[in-house]
Amino acid sequence: MVDLQSQYEKIQPQIDSAIQEVIASAAFINGPEVKNFQTDLEAYLGVRHVIPCANGTDALQIAMMGLGLEQGDEVITADFTFAATVEVIALLKLTPVLVDVDPNSFNIDLEAVRKAITPKTKAIVPVHLFGQAANMEEILKIAKEFDLYVIEDTAQAIGADFTFSDGSVKKVGTIGNIGTTSFFPSKNLGCYGDGGAIFTNDDDLAHIIRGIVNHGMYERYYHDVVGVNSRLDSLQAAILRLKLPYLDEYCQSRREAAKYYNAGFKSNPHIITPVTEKCGEICDTCNCHVFHQYTLKITNGKRDELHKYLLDKGIPNAIYYPVPLHKQKAYVDDRYKEENFQVTNELVQTVISLPMHTELEREQQDLIIETILNFVQ
């Protein structure tokens, strides 16, 4: 699904040198590379504050802690996503409210969000799923109307842009009250272990979060807020800082690979290829989708058979996600009605993700396309 070895080989001398410099300095925790990466990422994103942390799940939890959400507060998020998004809501004794998604973009359905709002609702967590920007302009309108926080889950979409109706452009993760991301190795910007970060333009909120990530301390051994131990280590920061200048190139390579896949599958009536919500196609003039995953919909009822067929042929593939969150044992709730999750319930039966990474070669894609077309007829 990813080829991290080939990506490493292209920048091996720089990576090896950066790692050796950290080891030689012995500044493994909160060393200068962490601050340097933070500063570089702030400049790239155009955001006032980046607060690195240990992983993307921590980033979401710390974001909710920083906003002061309290037990019983309702937080609306998408049913069709990885469990980390809802996991942290439950861990903090907040009330997760799952809603359906759009059938084309797979991002949170705006009308479903409106219907789910109650007097207890305090926040919306849009997930920029598979690398495509959610409709942040409309989400901000809803949030303003009902006085809600917006916490962007950007774990799969760092580097993507959202273009507003007035033509202004912002990086996802920098649009709501707070944004979070993951630097898991397979992400578009990935380290060689775990890592994450939190973004905000709010100075006061950034100050609170900086204390939370470090045991609630602003001064050593003085604990001003309840915190956690969640720090990005210096080795990972050095790797990320070196890879950051390549992020736009990595995202463009993924877009080009997605366009090639789309062209290969376009004539098959049983295969629905991904498109961008804004343009209706994979567009050369915007960066609203960075294709962390390339995900097809197989409409002839044979998705599972295709999954096994490809594995038997030695072609990696994955099903993201096989069970919707509202049906997971940990999150079952009598409030949820199946008629409110028609899109999600259809997607878990039809989606399949193909290899997608910066080193993907046309010959490899040709083999993948041909193999799938031979099966899906």
Protein backbone atom coordinates (compact mmCIF):
# COMPACT_ATOMS: atom_id res chain seq x y z
CA MET A 1 0.00 0.00 0.00
CA VAL A 2 2.95 2.32 0.68
CA ASP A 3 6.65 2.22 -0.22
CA LEU A 4 8.47 3.97 2.59
CA GLN A 5 11.78 2.28 1.75
CA SER A 6 12.00 3.82 -1.71
CA GLN A 7 10.99 7.21 -0.35
CA TYR A 8 13.74 6.95 2.28
CA GLU A 9 16.37 5.93 -0.29
CA LYS A 10 15.82 9.15 -2.25
CA ILE A 11 16.70 11.29 0.77
CA GLN A 12 18.82 8.81 2.70
CA PRO A 13 21.97 10.95 3.16
CA GLN A 14 19.99 13.87 4.59
CA ILE A 15 17.88 11.64 6.83
CA ASP A 16 20.89 9.72 8.16
CA SER A 17 22.75 12.96 8.85
CA ALA A 18 19.79 14.50 10.68
CA ILE A 19 19.40 11.41 12.88
CA GLN A 20 23.10 11.33 13.69
CA GLU A 21 23.07 15.00 14.66
CA VAL A 22 20.28 14.41 17.17
CA ILE A 23 22.04 11.38 18.62
CA ALA A 24 25.31 13.31 18.91
CA SER A 25 23.53 16.16 20.69
CA ALA A 26 21.73 13.79 23.08
CA ALA A 27 18.83 16.29 23.06
CA PHE A 28 16.20 13.60 22.59
CA ILE A 29 13.22 15.30 24.31
CA ASN A 30 12.23 18.88 23.48
CA GLY A 31 15.51 19.40 21.70
CA PRO A 32 16.11 22.22 19.21
CA GLU A 33 14.87 20.11 16.28
CA VAL A 34 11.37 20.08 17.79
CA LYS A 35 11.28 23.87 17.92
CA ASN A 36 12.80 24.13 14.43
CA PHE A 37 10.20 21.80 12.96
CA GLN A 38 7.42 23.63 14.76
CA THR A 39 8.57 26.94 13.28
CA ASP A 40 8.90 25.50 9.78
CA LEU A 41 5.45 23.91 9.91
CA GLU A 42 3.88 27.15 11.16
CA ALA A 43 5.33 28.92 8.14
CA TYR A 44 4.16 26.22 5.73
CA LEU A 45 0.61 26.15 7.09
CA GLY A 46 0.32 29.88 7.63
CA VAL A 47 -0.83 29.35 11.21
CA ARG A 48 0.26 31.19 14.36
CA HIS A 49 0.83 28.14 16.55
CA VAL A 50 1.89 24.54 15.98
CA ILE A 51 2.15 22.44 19.14
CA PRO A 52 3.83 19.07 18.44
CA CYS A 53 2.70 16.03 20.40
CA ALA A 54 3.18 12.27 20.54
CA ASN A 55 0.58 11.12 18.00
CA GLY A 56 -2.58 12.10 16.17
CA THR A 57 -4.94 10.53 18.70
CA ASP A 58 -3.34 12.52 21.50
CA ALA A 59 -3.69 15.62 19.34
CA LEU A 60 -7.46 15.17 19.20
CA GLN A 61 -7.76 14.47 22.91
CA ILE A 62 -5.59 17.45 23.88
CA ALA A 63 -7.55 19.71 21.53
CA MET A 64 -10.79 18.81 23.34
CA MET A 65 -9.12 19.22 26.73
CA GLY A 66 -7.80 22.62 25.69
CA LEU A 67 -11.26 23.81 24.70
CA GLY A 68 -12.56 22.95 28.15
CA LEU A 69 -15.25 20.54 26.99
CA GLU A 70 -17.01 18.96 29.95
CA GLN A 71 -18.58 15.59 30.72
CA GLY A 72 -21.85 15.17 28.84
CA ASP A 73 -21.11 17.80 26.19
CA GLU A 74 -22.08 16.49 22.75
CA VAL A 75 -19.52 16.37 19.95
CA ILE A 76 -20.68 15.69 16.39
CA THR A 77 -18.44 13.78 14.01
CA ALA A 78 -18.59 11.45 11.02
CA ASP A 79 -19.63 7.80 11.28
CA PHE A 80 -17.35 6.77 8.42
CA THR A 81 -13.81 7.26 9.69
CA PHE A 82 -11.12 5.67 11.85
CA ALA A 83 -12.10 5.08 15.47
CA ALA A 84 -9.56 7.52 16.96
CA THR A 85 -11.88 10.41 16.17
CA VAL A 86 -14.70 9.09 18.35
CA GLU A 87 -12.42 7.25 20.79
CA VAL A 88 -11.10 10.43 22.39
CA ILE A 89 -14.62 11.83 22.75
CA ALA A 90 -15.61 8.79 24.77
CA LEU A 91 -12.38 8.76 26.80
CA LEU A 92 -13.07 12.30 27.98
CA LYS A 93 -16.63 11.31 29.03
CA LEU A 94 -18.07 13.55 26.34
CA THR A 95 -21.02 12.31 24.29
CA PRO A 96 -20.17 11.28 20.72
CA VAL A 97 -22.85 12.02 18.15
CA LEU A 98 -22.21 10.16 14.89
CA VAL A 99 -23.74 11.34 11.63
CA ASP A 100 -23.75 10.14 8.03
CA VAL A 101 -21.39 11.25 5.26
CA ASP A 102 -21.63 12.54 1.71
CA PRO A 103 -21.72 9.71 -0.88
CA ASN A 104 -19.17 11.38 -3.17
CA SER A 105 -16.60 13.02 -0.92
CA PHE A 106 -17.10 10.63 2.04
CA ASN A 107 -16.83 13.70 4.29
CA ILE A 108 -19.35 14.67 6.97
CA ASP A 109 -22.87 15.40 5.67
CA LEU A 110 -23.80 18.99 6.44
CA GLU A 111 -27.54 18.47 6.63
CA ALA A 112 -26.98 15.56 9.01
CA VAL A 113 -24.87 17.84 11.19
CA ARG A 114 -27.68 20.41 11.39
CA LYS A 115 -30.23 17.76 12.34
CA ALA A 116 -27.97 16.40 15.09
CA ILE A 117 -27.45 19.69 16.93
CA THR A 118 -29.07 19.96 20.38
CA PRO A 119 -28.65 22.39 23.29
CA LYS A 120 -25.89 20.06 24.57
CA THR A 121 -23.85 20.24 21.36
CA LYS A 122 -20.53 22.00 21.87
CA ALA A 123 -18.31 21.01 18.94
CA ILE A 124 -18.13 19.60 15.41
CA VAL A 125 -15.20 17.43 14.33
CA PRO A 126 -15.02 17.33 10.53
CA VAL A 127 -12.63 14.65 9.25
CA HIS A 128 -10.85 15.47 6.00
CA LEU A 129 -11.18 11.85 4.96
CA PHE A 130 -8.72 10.12 2.62
CA GLY A 131 -7.06 13.50 2.01
CA GLN A 132 -10.00 15.57 0.74
CA ALA A 133 -10.92 18.85 2.39
CA ALA A 134 -14.34 18.88 4.00
CA ASN A 135 -16.62 21.81 3.18
CA MET A 136 -15.18 24.11 5.81
CA GLU A 137 -17.02 27.21 4.61
CA GLU A 138 -20.41 25.67 5.35
CA ILE A 139 -19.19 24.02 8.55
CA LEU A 140 -18.02 27.40 9.84
CA LYS A 141 -21.44 28.89 9.04
CA ILE A 142 -23.16 26.17 11.05
CA ALA A 143 -20.70 26.59 13.91
CA LYS A 144 -21.24 30.34 14.00
CA GLU A 145 -25.02 29.97 13.91
CA PHE A 146 -25.07 27.59 16.88
CA ASP A 147 -21.97 28.88 18.73
CA LEU A 148 -19.98 25.65 18.35
CA TYR A 149 -16.28 24.87 18.31
CA VAL A 150 -14.77 23.35 15.15
CA ILE A 151 -11.98 20.82 15.63
CA GLU A 152 -10.49 19.70 12.32
CA ASP A 153 -9.21 16.11 12.11
CA THR A 154 -6.48 16.52 9.50
CA ALA A 155 -4.74 13.19 10.13
CA GLN A 156 -5.15 12.15 6.48
CA ALA A 157 -5.02 15.53 4.75
CA ILE A 158 -2.02 17.61 5.80
CA GLY A 159 -1.01 19.77 2.84
CA ALA A 160 -4.51 20.02 1.39
CA ASP A 161 -6.12 23.41 0.71
CA PHE A 162 -9.66 24.67 1.07
CA THR A 163 -10.75 27.44 -1.32
CA PHE A 164 -13.52 29.71 -0.05
CA SER A 165 -16.19 31.24 -2.28
CA ASP A 166 -14.36 34.58 -2.21
CA GLY A 167 -11.25 32.93 -3.67
CA SER A 168 -9.21 32.91 -0.45
CA VAL A 169 -7.30 29.72 0.32
CA LYS A 170 -6.32 28.18 3.64
CA LYS A 171 -4.60 24.96 4.58
CA VAL A 172 -6.88 22.41 6.22
CA GLY A 173 -6.29 22.24 9.93
CA THR A 174 -5.93 26.02 10.18
CA ILE A 175 -9.56 26.98 9.50
CA GLY A 176 -11.52 25.95 12.59
CA ASN A 177 -10.80 26.83 16.21
CA ILE A 178 -8.22 24.10 16.31
CA GLY A 179 -6.73 21.50 13.98
CA THR A 180 -4.99 18.19 14.61
CA THR A 181 -2.85 15.86 12.56
CA SER A 182 -0.90 12.61 12.67
CA PHE A 183 2.62 11.92 11.44
CA PHE A 184 2.17 8.13 11.34
CA PRO A 185 4.75 6.76 8.87
CA SER A 186 2.27 6.14 6.03
CA LYS A 187 0.85 9.68 6.11
CA ASN A 188 1.69 12.15 3.34
CA LEU A 189 4.06 13.74 5.86
CA GLY A 190 5.14 10.82 8.00
CA CYS A 191 7.91 10.24 10.51
CA TYR A 192 9.62 6.96 11.39
CA GLY A 193 7.51 6.25 14.45
CA ASP A 194 4.59 8.02 16.06
CA GLY A 195 4.02 11.75 16.05
CA GLY A 196 1.30 14.38 15.87
CA ALA A 197 0.58 18.09 16.14
CA ILE A 198 -2.09 20.62 17.04
CA PHE A 199 -2.68 23.89 15.16
CA THR A 200 -4.42 27.08 16.21
CA ASN A 201 -4.45 30.82 15.61
CA ASP A 202 -5.74 31.46 19.14
CA ASP A 203 -2.90 32.66 21.39
CA ASP A 204 -4.68 31.83 24.65
CA LEU A 205 -5.70 28.38 23.47
CA ALA A 206 -2.15 27.66 22.30
CA HIS A 207 -0.84 28.58 25.75
CA ILE A 208 -3.25 26.18 27.44
CA ILE A 209 -2.35 23.37 25.06
CA ARG A 210 1.40 23.84 25.54
CA GLY A 211 0.85 23.18 29.22
CA ILE A 212 -1.41 20.18 28.65
CA VAL A 213 1.08 18.32 26.43
CA ASN A 214 3.77 18.59 29.13
CA HIS A 215 2.06 17.36 32.31
CA GLY A 216 0.32 20.70 32.76
CA MET A 217 3.64 22.48 33.35
CA TYR A 218 4.81 25.87 32.14
CA GLU A 219 7.55 25.89 34.73
CA ARG A 220 9.20 22.63 35.74
CA TYR A 221 7.43 20.96 38.69
CA TYR A 222 4.66 23.59 38.76
CA HIS A 223 1.46 22.07 37.39
CA ASP A 224 -1.04 24.77 36.45
CA VAL A 225 -3.49 22.62 34.47
CA VAL A 226 -4.32 18.94 34.27
CA GLY A 227 -2.06 17.60 31.56
CA VAL A 228 -0.70 14.53 29.84
CA ASN A 229 2.70 13.35 28.69
CA SER A 230 2.57 13.82 24.92
CA ARG A 231 5.71 15.08 23.25
CA LEU A 232 7.18 14.70 19.78
CA ASP A 233 10.70 13.40 20.24
CA SER A 234 13.65 15.13 18.60
CA LEU A 235 14.52 12.28 16.23
CA GLN A 236 11.04 12.32 14.71
CA ALA A 237 11.04 16.12 14.54
CA ALA A 238 14.35 16.09 12.64
CA ILE A 239 12.96 13.59 10.12
CA LEU A 240 9.75 15.56 9.67
CA ARG A 241 11.59 18.84 9.27
CA LEU A 242 13.68 17.33 6.50
CA LYS A 243 10.65 15.84 4.73
CA LEU A 244 8.43 18.93 5.03
CA PRO A 245 9.93 20.72 1.98
CA TYR A 246 8.95 17.67 -0.10
CA LEU A 247 5.32 17.60 1.10
CA ASP A 248 3.82 19.51 -1.85
CA GLU A 249 5.78 17.31 -4.25
CA TYR A 250 4.54 14.20 -2.46
CA CYS A 251 0.93 15.41 -2.67
CA GLN A 252 1.24 16.26 -6.36
CA SER A 253 2.66 12.80 -7.08
CA ARG A 254 -0.35 11.28 -5.38
CA ARG A 255 -2.75 13.44 -7.39
CA GLU A 256 -1.06 12.41 -10.64
CA ALA A 257 -1.29 8.75 -9.65
CA ALA A 258 -4.99 9.21 -8.81
CA LYS A 259 -5.66 10.79 -12.21
CA TYR A 260 -3.93 7.86 -13.91
CA TYR A 261 -6.04 5.37 -11.97
CA ASN A 262 -9.21 7.31 -12.83
CA ALA A 263 -8.40 7.27 -16.53
CA GLY A 264 -7.81 3.52 -16.40
CA PHE A 265 -11.13 2.75 -14.72
CA LYS A 266 -13.38 5.36 -16.38
CA SER A 267 -15.07 3.03 -18.87
CA ASN A 268 -16.14 0.40 -16.33
CA PRO A 269 -19.75 0.94 -15.19
CA HIS A 270 -19.23 -1.02 -11.96
CA ILE A 271 -16.34 1.10 -10.70
CA ILE A 272 -16.88 4.58 -9.28
CA THR A 273 -13.64 6.52 -9.07
CA PRO A 274 -12.92 9.31 -6.57
CA VAL A 275 -13.51 12.92 -7.52
CA THR A 276 -13.07 16.17 -5.69
CA GLU A 277 -16.19 17.68 -4.20
CA LYS A 278 -15.32 21.19 -5.37
CA CYS A 279 -14.48 20.48 -9.02
CA GLY A 280 -16.21 17.18 -9.74
CA GLU A 281 -12.91 15.84 -11.03
CA ILE A 282 -9.27 15.70 -10.02
CA CYS A 283 -8.36 19.27 -10.82
CA ASP A 284 -4.99 20.73 -11.78
CA THR A 285 -5.82 24.18 -10.42
CA CYS A 286 -6.58 23.36 -6.78
CA ASN A 287 -5.15 21.25 -4.02
CA CYS A 288 -8.32 20.21 -2.18
CA HIS A 289 -7.48 16.49 -2.27
CA VAL A 290 -4.04 15.09 -1.46
CA PHE A 291 -5.03 11.42 -1.83
CA HIS A 292 -3.75 9.89 1.35
CA GLN A 293 -5.91 7.01 0.13
CA TYR A 294 -7.20 6.22 -3.35
CA THR A 295 -10.60 4.62 -2.80
CA LEU A 296 -12.95 3.08 -5.34
CA LYS A 297 -16.59 2.07 -4.98
CA ILE A 298 -17.40 -1.33 -6.48
CA THR A 299 -21.11 -1.40 -7.33
CA ASN A 300 -21.68 -4.96 -8.61
CA GLY A 301 -21.79 -6.50 -5.14
CA LYS A 302 -18.42 -8.23 -5.50
CA ARG A 303 -16.16 -5.94 -3.47
CA ASP A 304 -15.17 -8.66 -1.01
CA GLU A 305 -14.42 -11.09 -3.83
CA LEU A 306 -12.25 -8.44 -5.50
CA HIS A 307 -10.40 -7.83 -2.25
CA LYS A 308 -9.49 -11.52 -1.99
CA TYR A 309 -8.74 -11.82 -5.72
CA LEU A 310 -6.22 -8.98 -5.56
CA LEU A 311 -4.53 -10.43 -2.49
CA ASP A 312 -4.26 -13.79 -4.25
CA LYS A 313 -2.58 -11.98 -7.15
CA GLY A 314 -0.11 -10.30 -4.79
CA ILE A 315 -1.65 -6.84 -5.15
CA PRO A 316 -2.04 -4.95 -1.86
CA ASN A 317 -5.41 -3.40 -1.11
CA ALA A 318 -7.42 -2.48 1.94
CA ILE A 319 -10.98 -1.84 3.06
CA TYR A 320 -11.28 1.47 4.93
CA TYR A 321 -13.57 0.88 6.80
CA PRO A 322 -15.32 -2.50 7.09
CA VAL A 323 -17.60 -1.61 10.04
CA PRO A 324 -19.18 1.81 10.66
CA LEU A 325 -18.50 3.37 14.04
CA HIS A 326 -22.16 3.26 15.07
CA LYS A 327 -22.04 -0.55 14.79
CA GLN A 328 -18.78 -1.01 16.68
CA LYS A 329 -19.31 -2.70 20.05
CA ALA A 330 -17.57 0.14 21.88
CA TYR A 331 -19.89 2.80 20.46
CA VAL A 332 -23.28 1.14 20.07
CA ASP A 333 -26.01 3.51 21.22
CA ASP A 334 -29.80 3.19 21.17
CA ARG A 335 -30.02 6.75 19.82
CA TYR A 336 -28.70 5.64 16.44
CA LYS A 337 -31.21 4.63 13.77
CA GLU A 338 -30.08 2.74 10.69
CA GLU A 339 -32.09 4.97 8.35
CA ASN A 340 -29.81 7.83 9.37
CA PHE A 341 -26.68 6.03 8.13
CA GLN A 342 -27.68 4.95 4.64
CA VAL A 343 -24.54 6.27 2.94
CA THR A 344 -22.12 4.88 5.50
CA ASN A 345 -23.83 1.49 5.46
CA GLU A 346 -23.49 1.43 1.68
CA LEU A 347 -19.84 2.53 1.70
CA VAL A 348 -18.68 -0.18 4.08
CA GLN A 349 -19.99 -2.71 1.54
CA THR A 350 -18.49 -1.11 -1.57
CA VAL A 351 -15.22 0.76 -0.89
CA ILE A 352 -11.76 -0.60 -1.58
CA SER A 353 -8.47 1.31 -1.43
CA LEU A 354 -5.56 0.68 -3.79
CA PRO A 355 -1.83 1.28 -3.41
CA MET A 356 -1.14 5.02 -3.24
CA HIS A 357 2.22 6.57 -2.52
CA THR A 358 4.83 8.92 -3.95
CA GLU A 359 6.94 6.17 -5.53
CA LEU A 360 4.08 4.47 -7.39
CA GLU A 361 5.20 3.67 -10.95
CA ARG A 362 3.00 3.63 -14.05
CA GLU A 363 3.91 -0.01 -14.74
CA GLN A 364 2.68 -0.93 -11.28
CA GLN A 365 -0.53 1.00 -11.82
CA ASP A 366 -1.06 -0.64 -15.21
CA LEU A 367 -0.83 -4.06 -13.59
CA ILE A 368 -3.26 -3.07 -10.84
CA ILE A 369 -5.74 -1.56 -13.31
CA GLU A 370 -5.59 -4.51 -15.68
CA THR A 371 -6.04 -7.03 -12.86
CA ILE A 372 -9.08 -5.21 -11.50
CA LEU A 373 -10.68 -4.76 -14.92
CA ASN A 374 -10.22 -8.47 -15.63
CA PHE A 375 -12.28 -9.23 -12.53
CA VAL A 376 -14.85 -6.43 -12.49
CA GLN A 377 -16.77 -6.92 -15.75
